[in-house]
Amino acid sequence: YFNAESTEEAALRERITGLWQAMEWDWY
C-alpha cells in the first residue's frame, strides 16, 4: 500500500522487507 517513491515510504518498505526476511518459518 505504501508504494510512493518518497524517501519515507521507500525506507518503510525496505524495513518491512528486513523484518519479513528474518522470519524463520522453516525452523519452526
mmCIF file of all heavy atoms, coordinates in Angstrom:
data_MODEL
# 
_entry.id   MODEL 
# 
loop_
_atom_site.group_PDB 
_atom_site.id 
_atom_site.type_symbol 
_atom_site.label_atom_id 
_atom_site.label_alt_id 
_atom_site.label_comp_id 
_atom_site.label_asym_id 
_atom_site.label_entity_id 
_atom_site.label_seq_id 
_atom_site.pdbx_PDB_ins_code 
_atom_site.Cartn_x 
_atom_site.Cartn_y 
_atom_site.Cartn_z 
_atom_site.occupancy 
_atom_site.B_iso_or_equiv 
_atom_site.pdbx_formal_charge 
_atom_site.auth_seq_id 
_atom_site.auth_comp_id 
_atom_site.auth_asym_id 
_atom_site.auth_atom_id 
_atom_site.pdbx_PDB_model_num 
ATOM 1   N N   . TYR A 1 1  ? 0.826  -1.211  0.000  1.00 0.00 ? 1  TYR A N   1 
ATOM 2   C CA  . TYR A 1 1  ? 0.000  0.000   0.000  1.00 0.00 ? 1  TYR A CA  1 
ATOM 3   C C   . TYR A 1 1  ? 0.858  1.258   0.000  1.00 0.00 ? 1  TYR A C   1 
ATOM 4   O O   . TYR A 1 1  ? 0.577  2.216   -0.738 1.00 0.00 ? 1  TYR A O   1 
ATOM 5   C CB  . TYR A 1 1  ? -0.933 0.009   1.213  1.00 0.00 ? 1  TYR A CB  1 
ATOM 6   C CG  . TYR A 1 1  ? -1.814 1.231   1.259  1.00 0.00 ? 1  TYR A CG  1 
ATOM 7   C CD1 . TYR A 1 1  ? -2.936 1.328   0.435  1.00 0.00 ? 1  TYR A CD1 1 
ATOM 8   C CD2 . TYR A 1 1  ? -1.522 2.296   2.105  1.00 0.00 ? 1  TYR A CD2 1 
ATOM 9   C CE1 . TYR A 1 1  ? -3.735 2.463   0.455  1.00 0.00 ? 1  TYR A CE1 1 
ATOM 10  C CE2 . TYR A 1 1  ? -2.323 3.428   2.135  1.00 0.00 ? 1  TYR A CE2 1 
ATOM 11  C CZ  . TYR A 1 1  ? -3.432 3.506   1.309  1.00 0.00 ? 1  TYR A CZ  1 
ATOM 12  O OH  . TYR A 1 1  ? -4.220 4.633   1.324  1.00 0.00 ? 1  TYR A OH  1 
ATOM 13  N N   . PHE A 1 2  ? 1.897  1.280   0.824  1.00 0.00 ? 2  PHE A N   1 
ATOM 14  C CA  . PHE A 1 2  ? 2.752  2.466   0.895  1.00 0.00 ? 2  PHE A CA  1 
ATOM 15  C C   . PHE A 1 2  ? 3.806  2.370   -0.207 1.00 0.00 ? 2  PHE A C   1 
ATOM 16  O O   . PHE A 1 2  ? 4.978  2.073   0.030  1.00 0.00 ? 2  PHE A O   1 
ATOM 17  C CB  . PHE A 1 2  ? 3.368  2.584   2.283  1.00 0.00 ? 2  PHE A CB  1 
ATOM 18  C CG  . PHE A 1 2  ? 2.337  2.832   3.358  1.00 0.00 ? 2  PHE A CG  1 
ATOM 19  C CD1 . PHE A 1 2  ? 1.957  1.824   4.226  1.00 0.00 ? 2  PHE A CD1 1 
ATOM 20  C CD2 . PHE A 1 2  ? 1.717  4.072   3.471  1.00 0.00 ? 2  PHE A CD2 1 
ATOM 21  C CE1 . PHE A 1 2  ? 0.999  2.039   5.208  1.00 0.00 ? 2  PHE A CE1 1 
ATOM 22  C CE2 . PHE A 1 2  ? 0.749  4.307   4.440  1.00 0.00 ? 2  PHE A CE2 1 
ATOM 23  C CZ  . PHE A 1 2  ? 0.386  3.287   5.313  1.00 0.00 ? 2  PHE A CZ  1 
ATOM 24  N N   . ASN A 1 3  ? 3.352  2.635   -1.420 1.00 0.00 ? 3  ASN A N   1 
ATOM 25  C CA  . ASN A 1 3  ? 4.147  2.363   -2.621 1.00 0.00 ? 3  ASN A CA  1 
ATOM 26  C C   . ASN A 1 3  ? 4.678  3.622   -3.296 1.00 0.00 ? 3  ASN A C   1 
ATOM 27  O O   . ASN A 1 3  ? 5.150  3.571   -4.430 1.00 0.00 ? 3  ASN A O   1 
ATOM 28  C CB  . ASN A 1 3  ? 3.307  1.561   -3.623 1.00 0.00 ? 3  ASN A CB  1 
ATOM 29  C CG  . ASN A 1 3  ? 1.987  2.253   -3.967 1.00 0.00 ? 3  ASN A CG  1 
ATOM 30  O OD1 . ASN A 1 3  ? 1.777  3.409   -3.625 1.00 0.00 ? 3  ASN A OD1 1 
ATOM 31  N ND2 . ASN A 1 3  ? 1.101  1.527   -4.632 1.00 0.00 ? 3  ASN A ND2 1 
ATOM 32  N N   . ALA A 1 4  ? 4.591  4.762   -2.609 1.00 0.00 ? 4  ALA A N   1 
ATOM 33  C CA  . ALA A 1 4  ? 5.083  6.010   -3.198 1.00 0.00 ? 4  ALA A CA  1 
ATOM 34  C C   . ALA A 1 4  ? 6.605  5.999   -3.292 1.00 0.00 ? 4  ALA A C   1 
ATOM 35  O O   . ALA A 1 4  ? 7.281  5.228   -2.591 1.00 0.00 ? 4  ALA A O   1 
ATOM 36  C CB  . ALA A 1 4  ? 4.613  7.200   -2.369 1.00 0.00 ? 4  ALA A CB  1 
ATOM 37  N N   . GLU A 1 5  ? 7.133  6.846   -4.142 1.00 0.00 ? 5  GLU A N   1 
ATOM 38  C CA  . GLU A 1 5  ? 8.584  6.915   -4.343 1.00 0.00 ? 5  GLU A CA  1 
ATOM 39  C C   . GLU A 1 5  ? 9.261  7.848   -3.348 1.00 0.00 ? 5  GLU A C   1 
ATOM 40  O O   . GLU A 1 5  ? 10.466 8.098   -3.473 1.00 0.00 ? 5  GLU A O   1 
ATOM 41  C CB  . GLU A 1 5  ? 8.879  7.374   -5.776 1.00 0.00 ? 5  GLU A CB  1 
ATOM 42  C CG  . GLU A 1 5  ? 8.454  6.370   -6.832 1.00 0.00 ? 5  GLU A CG  1 
ATOM 43  C CD  . GLU A 1 5  ? 9.095  5.007   -6.624 1.00 0.00 ? 5  GLU A CD  1 
ATOM 44  O OE1 . GLU A 1 5  ? 10.313 4.969   -6.335 1.00 0.00 ? 5  GLU A OE1 1 
ATOM 45  O OE2 . GLU A 1 5  ? 8.380  3.987   -6.720 1.00 0.00 ? 5  GLU A OE2 1 
ATOM 46  N N   . SER A 1 6  ? 8.529  8.349   -2.378 1.00 0.00 ? 6  SER A N   1 
ATOM 47  C CA  . SER A 1 6  ? 9.126  9.242   -1.391 1.00 0.00 ? 6  SER A CA  1 
ATOM 48  C C   . SER A 1 6  ? 10.180 8.501   -0.580 1.00 0.00 ? 6  SER A C   1 
ATOM 49  O O   . SER A 1 6  ? 10.146 7.270   -0.444 1.00 0.00 ? 6  SER A O   1 
ATOM 50  C CB  . SER A 1 6  ? 8.057  9.784   -0.448 1.00 0.00 ? 6  SER A CB  1 
ATOM 51  O OG  . SER A 1 6  ? 7.516  8.743   0.342  1.00 0.00 ? 6  SER A OG  1 
ATOM 52  N N   . THR A 1 7  ? 11.100 9.248   -0.033 1.00 0.00 ? 7  THR A N   1 
ATOM 53  C CA  . THR A 1 7  ? 12.157 8.654   0.792  1.00 0.00 ? 7  THR A CA  1 
ATOM 54  C C   . THR A 1 7  ? 11.568 7.890   1.974  1.00 0.00 ? 7  THR A C   1 
ATOM 55  O O   . THR A 1 7  ? 12.025 6.789   2.307  1.00 0.00 ? 7  THR A O   1 
ATOM 56  C CB  . THR A 1 7  ? 13.101 9.754   1.308  1.00 0.00 ? 7  THR A CB  1 
ATOM 57  O OG1 . THR A 1 7  ? 13.663 10.448  0.192  1.00 0.00 ? 7  THR A OG1 1 
ATOM 58  C CG2 . THR A 1 7  ? 14.210 9.168   2.166  1.00 0.00 ? 7  THR A CG2 1 
ATOM 59  N N   . GLU A 1 8  ? 10.523 8.467   2.581  1.00 0.00 ? 8  GLU A N   1 
ATOM 60  C CA  . GLU A 1 8  ? 9.924  7.858   3.767  1.00 0.00 ? 8  GLU A CA  1 
ATOM 61  C C   . GLU A 1 8  ? 9.266  6.521   3.436  1.00 0.00 ? 8  GLU A C   1 
ATOM 62  O O   . GLU A 1 8  ? 9.478  5.523   4.148  1.00 0.00 ? 8  GLU A O   1 
ATOM 63  C CB  . GLU A 1 8  ? 8.891  8.801   4.384  1.00 0.00 ? 8  GLU A CB  1 
ATOM 64  C CG  . GLU A 1 8  ? 9.467  10.061  4.988  1.00 0.00 ? 8  GLU A CG  1 
ATOM 65  C CD  . GLU A 1 8  ? 9.805  11.120  3.956  1.00 0.00 ? 8  GLU A CD  1 
ATOM 66  O OE1 . GLU A 1 8  ? 9.421  10.957  2.772  1.00 0.00 ? 8  GLU A OE1 1 
ATOM 67  O OE2 . GLU A 1 8  ? 10.462 12.118  4.335  1.00 0.00 ? 8  GLU A OE2 1 
ATOM 68  N N   . GLU A 1 9  ? 8.484  6.476   2.378  1.00 0.00 ? 9  GLU A N   1 
ATOM 69  C CA  . GLU A 1 9  ? 7.771  5.234   2.052  1.00 0.00 ? 9  GLU A CA  1 
ATOM 70  C C   . GLU A 1 9  ? 8.718  4.183   1.504  1.00 0.00 ? 9  GLU A C   1 
ATOM 71  O O   . GLU A 1 9  ? 8.559  2.982   1.774  1.00 0.00 ? 9  GLU A O   1 
ATOM 72  C CB  . GLU A 1 9  ? 6.613  5.517   1.101  1.00 0.00 ? 9  GLU A CB  1 
ATOM 73  C CG  . GLU A 1 9  ? 5.521  6.346   1.757  1.00 0.00 ? 9  GLU A CG  1 
ATOM 74  C CD  . GLU A 1 9  ? 4.195  6.316   1.012  1.00 0.00 ? 9  GLU A CD  1 
ATOM 75  O OE1 . GLU A 1 9  ? 3.938  5.345   0.261  1.00 0.00 ? 9  GLU A OE1 1 
ATOM 76  O OE2 . GLU A 1 9  ? 3.396  7.261   1.198  1.00 0.00 ? 9  GLU A OE2 1 
ATOM 77  N N   . ALA A 1 10 ? 9.721  4.584   0.761  1.00 0.00 ? 10 ALA A N   1 
ATOM 78  C CA  . ALA A 1 10 ? 10.714 3.625   0.264  1.00 0.00 ? 10 ALA A CA  1 
ATOM 79  C C   . ALA A 1 10 ? 11.469 2.998   1.431  1.00 0.00 ? 10 ALA A C   1 
ATOM 80  O O   . ALA A 1 10 ? 11.715 1.774   1.455  1.00 0.00 ? 10 ALA A O   1 
ATOM 81  C CB  . ALA A 1 10 ? 11.671 4.308   -0.696 1.00 0.00 ? 10 ALA A CB  1 
ATOM 82  N N   . ALA A 1 11 ? 11.840 3.814   2.415  1.00 0.00 ? 11 ALA A N   1 
ATOM 83  C CA  . ALA A 1 11 ? 12.553 3.297   3.581  1.00 0.00 ? 11 ALA A CA  1 
ATOM 84  C C   . ALA A 1 11 ? 11.653 2.372   4.396  1.00 0.00 ? 11 ALA A C   1 
ATOM 85  O O   . ALA A 1 11 ? 12.114 1.342   4.921  1.00 0.00 ? 11 ALA A O   1 
ATOM 86  C CB  . ALA A 1 11 ? 13.042 4.453   4.444  1.00 0.00 ? 11 ALA A CB  1 
ATOM 87  N N   . LEU A 1 12 ? 10.377 2.722   4.501  1.00 0.00 ? 12 LEU A N   1 
ATOM 88  C CA  . LEU A 1 12 ? 9.430  1.887   5.230  1.00 0.00 ? 12 LEU A CA  1 
ATOM 89  C C   . LEU A 1 12 ? 9.329  0.512   4.576  1.00 0.00 ? 12 LEU A C   1 
ATOM 90  O O   . LEU A 1 12 ? 9.367  -0.522  5.264  1.00 0.00 ? 12 LEU A O   1 
ATOM 91  C CB  . LEU A 1 12 ? 8.062  2.565   5.271  1.00 0.00 ? 12 LEU A CB  1 
ATOM 92  C CG  . LEU A 1 12 ? 6.941  1.782   5.949  1.00 0.00 ? 12 LEU A CG  1 
ATOM 93  C CD1 . LEU A 1 12 ? 7.254  1.515   7.413  1.00 0.00 ? 12 LEU A CD1 1 
ATOM 94  C CD2 . LEU A 1 12 ? 5.603  2.526   5.804  1.00 0.00 ? 12 LEU A CD2 1 
ATOM 95  N N   . ARG A 1 13 ? 9.210  0.474   3.274  1.00 0.00 ? 13 ARG A N   1 
ATOM 96  C CA  . ARG A 1 13 ? 9.118  -0.809  2.564  1.00 0.00 ? 13 ARG A CA  1 
ATOM 97  C C   . ARG A 1 13 ? 10.375 -1.645  2.804  1.00 0.00 ? 13 ARG A C   1 
ATOM 98  O O   . ARG A 1 13 ? 10.292 -2.869  3.011  1.00 0.00 ? 13 ARG A O   1 
ATOM 99  C CB  . ARG A 1 13 ? 8.908  -0.579  1.063  1.00 0.00 ? 13 ARG A CB  1 
ATOM 100 C CG  . ARG A 1 13 ? 7.577  0.047   0.701  1.00 0.00 ? 13 ARG A CG  1 
ATOM 101 C CD  . ARG A 1 13 ? 7.295  -0.050  -0.789 1.00 0.00 ? 13 ARG A CD  1 
ATOM 102 N NE  . ARG A 1 13 ? 8.266  0.677   -1.599 1.00 0.00 ? 13 ARG A NE  1 
ATOM 103 C CZ  . ARG A 1 13 ? 8.176  1.969   -1.910 1.00 0.00 ? 13 ARG A CZ  1 
ATOM 104 N NH1 . ARG A 1 13 ? 7.181  2.694   -1.439 1.00 0.00 ? 13 ARG A NH1 1 
ATOM 105 N NH2 . ARG A 1 13 ? 9.087  2.553   -2.685 1.00 0.00 ? 13 ARG A NH2 1 
ATOM 106 N N   . GLU A 1 14 ? 11.526 -0.998  2.771  1.00 0.00 ? 14 GLU A N   1 
ATOM 107 C CA  . GLU A 1 14 ? 12.784 -1.725  2.962  1.00 0.00 ? 14 GLU A CA  1 
ATOM 108 C C   . GLU A 1 14 ? 12.869 -2.315  4.371  1.00 0.00 ? 14 GLU A C   1 
ATOM 109 O O   . GLU A 1 14 ? 13.310 -3.459  4.552  1.00 0.00 ? 14 GLU A O   1 
ATOM 110 C CB  . GLU A 1 14 ? 13.959 -0.784  2.712  1.00 0.00 ? 14 GLU A CB  1 
ATOM 111 C CG  . GLU A 1 14 ? 15.319 -1.469  2.794  1.00 0.00 ? 14 GLU A CG  1 
ATOM 112 C CD  . GLU A 1 14 ? 16.460 -0.532  2.442  1.00 0.00 ? 14 GLU A CD  1 
ATOM 113 O OE1 . GLU A 1 14 ? 16.186 0.579   1.933  1.00 0.00 ? 14 GLU A OE1 1 
ATOM 114 O OE2 . GLU A 1 14 ? 17.619 -0.912  2.675  1.00 0.00 ? 14 GLU A OE2 1 
ATOM 115 N N   . ARG A 1 15 ? 12.430 -1.566  5.345  1.00 0.00 ? 15 ARG A N   1 
ATOM 116 C CA  . ARG A 1 15 ? 12.475 -2.057  6.729  1.00 0.00 ? 15 ARG A CA  1 
ATOM 117 C C   . ARG A 1 15 ? 11.482 -3.196  6.937  1.00 0.00 ? 15 ARG A C   1 
ATOM 118 O O   . ARG A 1 15 ? 11.776 -4.173  7.657  1.00 0.00 ? 15 ARG A O   1 
ATOM 119 C CB  . ARG A 1 15 ? 12.178 -0.908  7.692  1.00 0.00 ? 15 ARG A CB  1 
ATOM 120 C CG  . ARG A 1 15 ? 13.259 0.175   7.668  1.00 0.00 ? 15 ARG A CG  1 
ATOM 121 C CD  . ARG A 1 15 ? 12.854 1.372   8.496  1.00 0.00 ? 15 ARG A CD  1 
ATOM 122 N NE  . ARG A 1 15 ? 12.898 1.082   9.925  1.00 0.00 ? 15 ARG A NE  1 
ATOM 123 C CZ  . ARG A 1 15 ? 12.452 1.933   10.863 1.00 0.00 ? 15 ARG A CZ  1 
ATOM 124 N NH1 . ARG A 1 15 ? 11.903 3.093   10.502 1.00 0.00 ? 15 ARG A NH1 1 
ATOM 125 N NH2 . ARG A 1 15 ? 12.537 1.615   12.138 1.00 0.00 ? 15 ARG A NH2 1 
ATOM 126 N N   . ILE A 1 16 ? 10.302 -3.104  6.329  1.00 0.00 ? 16 ILE A N   1 
ATOM 127 C CA  . ILE A 1 16 ? 9.337  -4.206  6.405  1.00 0.00 ? 16 ILE A CA  1 
ATOM 128 C C   . ILE A 1 16 ? 9.933  -5.462  5.770  1.00 0.00 ? 16 ILE A C   1 
ATOM 129 O O   . ILE A 1 16 ? 9.808  -6.575  6.316  1.00 0.00 ? 16 ILE A O   1 
ATOM 130 C CB  . ILE A 1 16 ? 8.016  -3.820  5.723  1.00 0.00 ? 16 ILE A CB  1 
ATOM 131 C CG1 . ILE A 1 16 ? 7.272  -2.773  6.558  1.00 0.00 ? 16 ILE A CG1 1 
ATOM 132 C CG2 . ILE A 1 16 ? 7.139  -5.053  5.500  1.00 0.00 ? 16 ILE A CG2 1 
ATOM 133 C CD1 . ILE A 1 16 ? 6.034  -2.208  5.889  1.00 0.00 ? 16 ILE A CD1 1 
ATOM 134 N N   . THR A 1 17 ? 10.591 -5.302  4.648  1.00 0.00 ? 17 THR A N   1 
ATOM 135 C CA  . THR A 1 17 ? 11.222 -6.443  3.979  1.00 0.00 ? 17 THR A CA  1 
ATOM 136 C C   . THR A 1 17 ? 12.260 -7.093  4.885  1.00 0.00 ? 17 THR A C   1 
ATOM 137 O O   . THR A 1 17 ? 12.358 -8.329  4.951  1.00 0.00 ? 17 THR A O   1 
ATOM 138 C CB  . THR A 1 17 ? 11.866 -5.995  2.654  1.00 0.00 ? 17 THR A CB  1 
ATOM 139 O OG1 . THR A 1 17 ? 10.840 -5.506  1.787  1.00 0.00 ? 17 THR A OG1 1 
ATOM 140 C CG2 . THR A 1 17 ? 12.592 -7.146  1.974  1.00 0.00 ? 17 THR A CG2 1 
ATOM 141 N N   . GLY A 1 18 ? 13.020 -6.281  5.610  1.00 0.00 ? 18 GLY A N   1 
ATOM 142 C CA  . GLY A 1 18 ? 14.006 -6.840  6.532  1.00 0.00 ? 18 GLY A CA  1 
ATOM 143 C C   . GLY A 1 18 ? 13.367 -7.679  7.622  1.00 0.00 ? 18 GLY A C   1 
ATOM 144 O O   . GLY A 1 18 ? 13.866 -8.769  7.958  1.00 0.00 ? 18 GLY A O   1 
ATOM 145 N N   . LEU A 1 19 ? 12.257 -7.204  8.194  1.00 0.00 ? 19 LEU A N   1 
ATOM 146 C CA  . LEU A 1 19 ? 11.534 -7.977  9.210  1.00 0.00 ? 19 LEU A CA  1 
ATOM 147 C C   . LEU A 1 19 ? 10.979 -9.269  8.624  1.00 0.00 ? 19 LEU A C   1 
ATOM 148 O O   . LEU A 1 19 ? 11.060 -10.341 9.246  1.00 0.00 ? 19 LEU A O   1 
ATOM 149 C CB  . LEU A 1 19 ? 10.400 -7.127  9.786  1.00 0.00 ? 19 LEU A CB  1 
ATOM 150 C CG  . LEU A 1 19 ? 10.805 -5.900  10.609 1.00 0.00 ? 19 LEU A CG  1 
ATOM 151 C CD1 . LEU A 1 19 ? 9.599  -4.996  10.840 1.00 0.00 ? 19 LEU A CD1 1 
ATOM 152 C CD2 . LEU A 1 19 ? 11.417 -6.329  11.938 1.00 0.00 ? 19 LEU A CD2 1 
ATOM 153 N N   . TRP A 1 20 ? 10.409 -9.172  7.449  1.00 0.00 ? 20 TRP A N   1 
ATOM 154 C CA  . TRP A 1 20 ? 9.806  -10.319 6.765  1.00 0.00 ? 20 TRP A CA  1 
ATOM 155 C C   . TRP A 1 20 ? 10.855 -11.384 6.457  1.00 0.00 ? 20 TRP A C   1 
ATOM 156 O O   . TRP A 1 20 ? 10.647 -12.577 6.708  1.00 0.00 ? 20 TRP A O   1 
ATOM 157 C CB  . TRP A 1 20 ? 9.115  -9.810  5.517  1.00 0.00 ? 20 TRP A CB  1 
ATOM 158 C CG  . TRP A 1 20 ? 8.751  -10.775 4.432  1.00 0.00 ? 20 TRP A CG  1 
ATOM 159 C CD1 . TRP A 1 20 ? 9.151  -10.710 3.130  1.00 0.00 ? 20 TRP A CD1 1 
ATOM 160 C CD2 . TRP A 1 20 ? 7.879  -11.916 4.515  1.00 0.00 ? 20 TRP A CD2 1 
ATOM 161 N NE1 . TRP A 1 20 ? 8.596  -11.732 2.396  1.00 0.00 ? 20 TRP A NE1 1 
ATOM 162 C CE2 . TRP A 1 20 ? 7.808  -12.495 3.220  1.00 0.00 ? 20 TRP A CE2 1 
ATOM 163 C CE3 . TRP A 1 20 ? 7.171  -12.510 5.548  1.00 0.00 ? 20 TRP A CE3 1 
ATOM 164 C CZ2 . TRP A 1 20 ? 7.056  -13.630 2.956  1.00 0.00 ? 20 TRP A CZ2 1 
ATOM 165 C CZ3 . TRP A 1 20 ? 6.409  -13.648 5.278  1.00 0.00 ? 20 TRP A CZ3 1 
ATOM 166 C CH2 . TRP A 1 20 ? 6.360  -14.187 3.999  1.00 0.00 ? 20 TRP A CH2 1 
ATOM 167 N N   . GLN A 1 21 ? 11.986 -10.982 5.974  1.00 0.00 ? 21 GLN A N   1 
ATOM 168 C CA  . GLN A 1 21 ? 13.017 -11.943 5.584  1.00 0.00 ? 21 GLN A CA  1 
ATOM 169 C C   . GLN A 1 21 ? 13.694 -12.590 6.791  1.00 0.00 ? 21 GLN A C   1 
ATOM 170 O O   . GLN A 1 21 ? 14.326 -13.638 6.653  1.00 0.00 ? 21 GLN A O   1 
ATOM 171 C CB  . GLN A 1 21 ? 14.052 -11.271 4.680  1.00 0.00 ? 21 GLN A CB  1 
ATOM 172 C CG  . GLN A 1 21 ? 13.491 -10.881 3.318  1.00 0.00 ? 21 GLN A CG  1 
ATOM 173 C CD  . GLN A 1 21 ? 14.523 -10.276 2.403  1.00 0.00 ? 21 GLN A CD  1 
ATOM 174 O OE1 . GLN A 1 21 ? 15.658 -10.013 2.805  1.00 0.00 ? 21 GLN A OE1 1 
ATOM 175 N NE2 . GLN A 1 21 ? 14.144 -10.029 1.146  1.00 0.00 ? 21 GLN A NE2 1 
ATOM 176 N N   . ALA A 1 22 ? 13.568 -11.988 7.965  1.00 0.00 ? 22 ALA A N   1 
ATOM 177 C CA  . ALA A 1 22 ? 14.173 -12.554 9.179  1.00 0.00 ? 22 ALA A CA  1 
ATOM 178 C C   . ALA A 1 22 ? 13.308 -13.620 9.833  1.00 0.00 ? 22 ALA A C   1 
ATOM 179 O O   . ALA A 1 22 ? 13.766 -14.308 10.761 1.00 0.00 ? 22 ALA A O   1 
ATOM 180 C CB  . ALA A 1 22 ? 14.447 -11.435 10.177 1.00 0.00 ? 22 ALA A CB  1 
ATOM 181 N N   . MET A 1 23 ? 12.084 -13.810 9.358  1.00 0.00 ? 23 MET A N   1 
ATOM 182 C CA  . MET A 1 23 ? 11.161 -14.768 9.981  1.00 0.00 ? 23 MET A CA  1 
ATOM 183 C C   . MET A 1 23 ? 11.506 -16.189 9.525  1.00 0.00 ? 23 MET A C   1 
ATOM 184 O O   . MET A 1 23 ? 11.338 -16.535 8.367  1.00 0.00 ? 23 MET A O   1 
ATOM 185 C CB  . MET A 1 23 ? 9.714  -14.401 9.634  1.00 0.00 ? 23 MET A CB  1 
ATOM 186 C CG  . MET A 1 23 ? 9.326  -12.998 10.079 1.00 0.00 ? 23 MET A CG  1 
ATOM 187 S SD  . MET A 1 23 ? 7.656  -12.484 9.592  1.00 0.00 ? 23 MET A SD  1 
ATOM 188 C CE  . MET A 1 23 ? 6.679  -13.347 10.842 1.00 0.00 ? 23 MET A CE  1 
ATOM 189 N N   . GLU A 1 24 ? 11.962 -17.014 10.462 1.00 0.00 ? 24 GLU A N   1 
ATOM 190 C CA  . GLU A 1 24 ? 12.476 -18.356 10.147 1.00 0.00 ? 24 GLU A CA  1 
ATOM 191 C C   . GLU A 1 24 ? 11.364 -19.408 10.236 1.00 0.00 ? 24 GLU A C   1 
ATOM 192 O O   . GLU A 1 24 ? 11.301 -20.217 11.160 1.00 0.00 ? 24 GLU A O   1 
ATOM 193 C CB  . GLU A 1 24 ? 13.633 -18.711 11.072 1.00 0.00 ? 24 GLU A CB  1 
ATOM 194 C CG  . GLU A 1 24 ? 14.823 -17.775 10.945 1.00 0.00 ? 24 GLU A CG  1 
ATOM 195 C CD  . GLU A 1 24 ? 15.952 -18.145 11.883 1.00 0.00 ? 24 GLU A CD  1 
ATOM 196 O OE1 . GLU A 1 24 ? 16.146 -19.356 12.155 1.00 0.00 ? 24 GLU A OE1 1 
ATOM 197 O OE2 . GLU A 1 24 ? 16.640 -17.217 12.374 1.00 0.00 ? 24 GLU A OE2 1 
ATOM 198 N N   . TRP A 1 25 ? 10.506 -19.401 9.246  1.00 0.00 ? 25 TRP A N   1 
ATOM 199 C CA  . TRP A 1 25 ? 9.386  -20.333 9.224  1.00 0.00 ? 25 TRP A CA  1 
ATOM 200 C C   . TRP A 1 25 ? 9.870  -21.778 9.217  1.00 0.00 ? 25 TRP A C   1 
ATOM 201 O O   . TRP A 1 25 ? 9.307  -22.632 9.918  1.00 0.00 ? 25 TRP A O   1 
ATOM 202 C CB  . TRP A 1 25 ? 8.522  -20.072 7.991  1.00 0.00 ? 25 TRP A CB  1 
ATOM 203 C CG  . TRP A 1 25 ? 8.049  -18.665 7.879  1.00 0.00 ? 25 TRP A CG  1 
ATOM 204 C CD1 . TRP A 1 25 ? 8.650  -17.649 7.193  1.00 0.00 ? 25 TRP A CD1 1 
ATOM 205 C CD2 . TRP A 1 25 ? 6.877  -18.089 8.487  1.00 0.00 ? 25 TRP A CD2 1 
ATOM 206 N NE1 . TRP A 1 25 ? 7.927  -16.481 7.317  1.00 0.00 ? 25 TRP A NE1 1 
ATOM 207 C CE2 . TRP A 1 25 ? 6.842  -16.721 8.104  1.00 0.00 ? 25 TRP A CE2 1 
ATOM 208 C CE3 . TRP A 1 25 ? 5.866  -18.603 9.294  1.00 0.00 ? 25 TRP A CE3 1 
ATOM 209 C CZ2 . TRP A 1 25 ? 5.826  -15.864 8.512  1.00 0.00 ? 25 TRP A CZ2 1 
ATOM 210 C CZ3 . TRP A 1 25 ? 4.854  -17.754 9.695  1.00 0.00 ? 25 TRP A CZ3 1 
ATOM 211 C CH2 . TRP A 1 25 ? 4.838  -16.404 9.312  1.00 0.00 ? 25 TRP A CH2 1 
ATOM 212 N N   . ASP A 1 26 ? 10.880 -22.067 8.421  1.00 0.00 ? 26 ASP A N   1 
ATOM 213 C CA  . ASP A 1 26 ? 11.351 -23.449 8.291  1.00 0.00 ? 26 ASP A CA  1 
ATOM 214 C C   . ASP A 1 26 ? 11.889 -23.984 9.608  1.00 0.00 ? 26 ASP A C   1 
ATOM 215 O O   . ASP A 1 26 ? 11.803 -25.190 9.883  1.00 0.00 ? 26 ASP A O   1 
ATOM 216 C CB  . ASP A 1 26 ? 12.404 -23.560 7.181  1.00 0.00 ? 26 ASP A CB  1 
ATOM 217 C CG  . ASP A 1 26 ? 13.546 -22.568 7.323  1.00 0.00 ? 26 ASP A CG  1 
ATOM 218 O OD1 . ASP A 1 26 ? 13.450 -21.639 8.155  1.00 0.00 ? 26 ASP A OD1 1 
ATOM 219 O OD2 . ASP A 1 26 ? 14.548 -22.712 6.591  1.00 0.00 ? 26 ASP A OD2 1 
ATOM 220 N N   . TRP A 1 27 ? 12.444 -23.117 10.452 1.00 0.00 ? 27 TRP A N   1 
ATOM 221 C CA  . TRP A 1 27 ? 12.977 -23.570 11.738 1.00 0.00 ? 27 TRP A CA  1 
ATOM 222 C C   . TRP A 1 27 ? 11.866 -24.098 12.638 1.00 0.00 ? 27 TRP A C   1 
ATOM 223 O O   . TRP A 1 27 ? 12.088 -24.999 13.456 1.00 0.00 ? 27 TRP A O   1 
ATOM 224 C CB  . TRP A 1 27 ? 13.701 -22.406 12.418 1.00 0.00 ? 27 TRP A CB  1 
ATOM 225 C CG  . TRP A 1 27 ? 14.522 -22.840 13.587 1.00 0.00 ? 27 TRP A CG  1 
ATOM 226 C CD1 . TRP A 1 27 ? 15.780 -23.360 13.573 1.00 0.00 ? 27 TRP A CD1 1 
ATOM 227 C CD2 . TRP A 1 27 ? 14.120 -22.802 14.953 1.00 0.00 ? 27 TRP A CD2 1 
ATOM 228 N NE1 . TRP A 1 27 ? 16.184 -23.661 14.851 1.00 0.00 ? 27 TRP A NE1 1 
ATOM 229 C CE2 . TRP A 1 27 ? 15.187 -23.321 15.725 1.00 0.00 ? 27 TRP A CE2 1 
ATOM 230 C CE3 . TRP A 1 27 ? 12.959 -22.383 15.616 1.00 0.00 ? 27 TRP A CE3 1 
ATOM 231 C CZ2 . TRP A 1 27 ? 15.132 -23.430 17.108 1.00 0.00 ? 27 TRP A CZ2 1 
ATOM 232 C CZ3 . TRP A 1 27 ? 12.905 -22.495 16.987 1.00 0.00 ? 27 TRP A CZ3 1 
ATOM 233 C CH2 . TRP A 1 27 ? 13.980 -23.010 17.725 1.00 0.00 ? 27 TRP A CH2 1 
ATOM 234 N N   . TYR A 1 28 ? 10.656 -23.560 12.475 1.00 0.00 ? 28 TYR A N   1 
ATOM 235 C CA  . TYR A 1 28 ? 9.531  -23.968 13.324 1.00 0.00 ? 28 TYR A CA  1 
ATOM 236 C C   . TYR A 1 28 ? 8.903  -25.292 12.890 1.00 0.00 ? 28 TYR A C   1 
ATOM 237 O O   . TYR A 1 28 ? 7.843  -25.665 13.389 1.00 0.00 ? 28 TYR A O   1 
ATOM 238 C CB  . TYR A 1 28 ? 8.489  -22.845 13.386 1.00 0.00 ? 28 TYR A CB  1 
ATOM 239 C CG  . TYR A 1 28 ? 8.841  -21.783 14.397 1.00 0.00 ? 28 TYR A CG  1 
ATOM 240 C CD1 . TYR A 1 28 ? 9.760  -20.783 14.094 1.00 0.00 ? 28 TYR A CD1 1 
ATOM 241 C CD2 . TYR A 1 28 ? 8.295  -21.785 15.672 1.00 0.00 ? 28 TYR A CD2 1 
ATOM 242 C CE1 . TYR A 1 28 ? 10.111 -19.816 15.018 1.00 0.00 ? 28 TYR A CE1 1 
ATOM 243 C CE2 . TYR A 1 28 ? 8.631  -20.817 16.612 1.00 0.00 ? 28 TYR A CE2 1 
ATOM 244 C CZ  . TYR A 1 28 ? 9.548  -19.837 16.284 1.00 0.00 ? 28 TYR A CZ  1 
ATOM 245 O OH  . TYR A 1 28 ? 9.894  -18.890 17.216 1.00 0.00 ? 28 TYR A OH  1 
# 
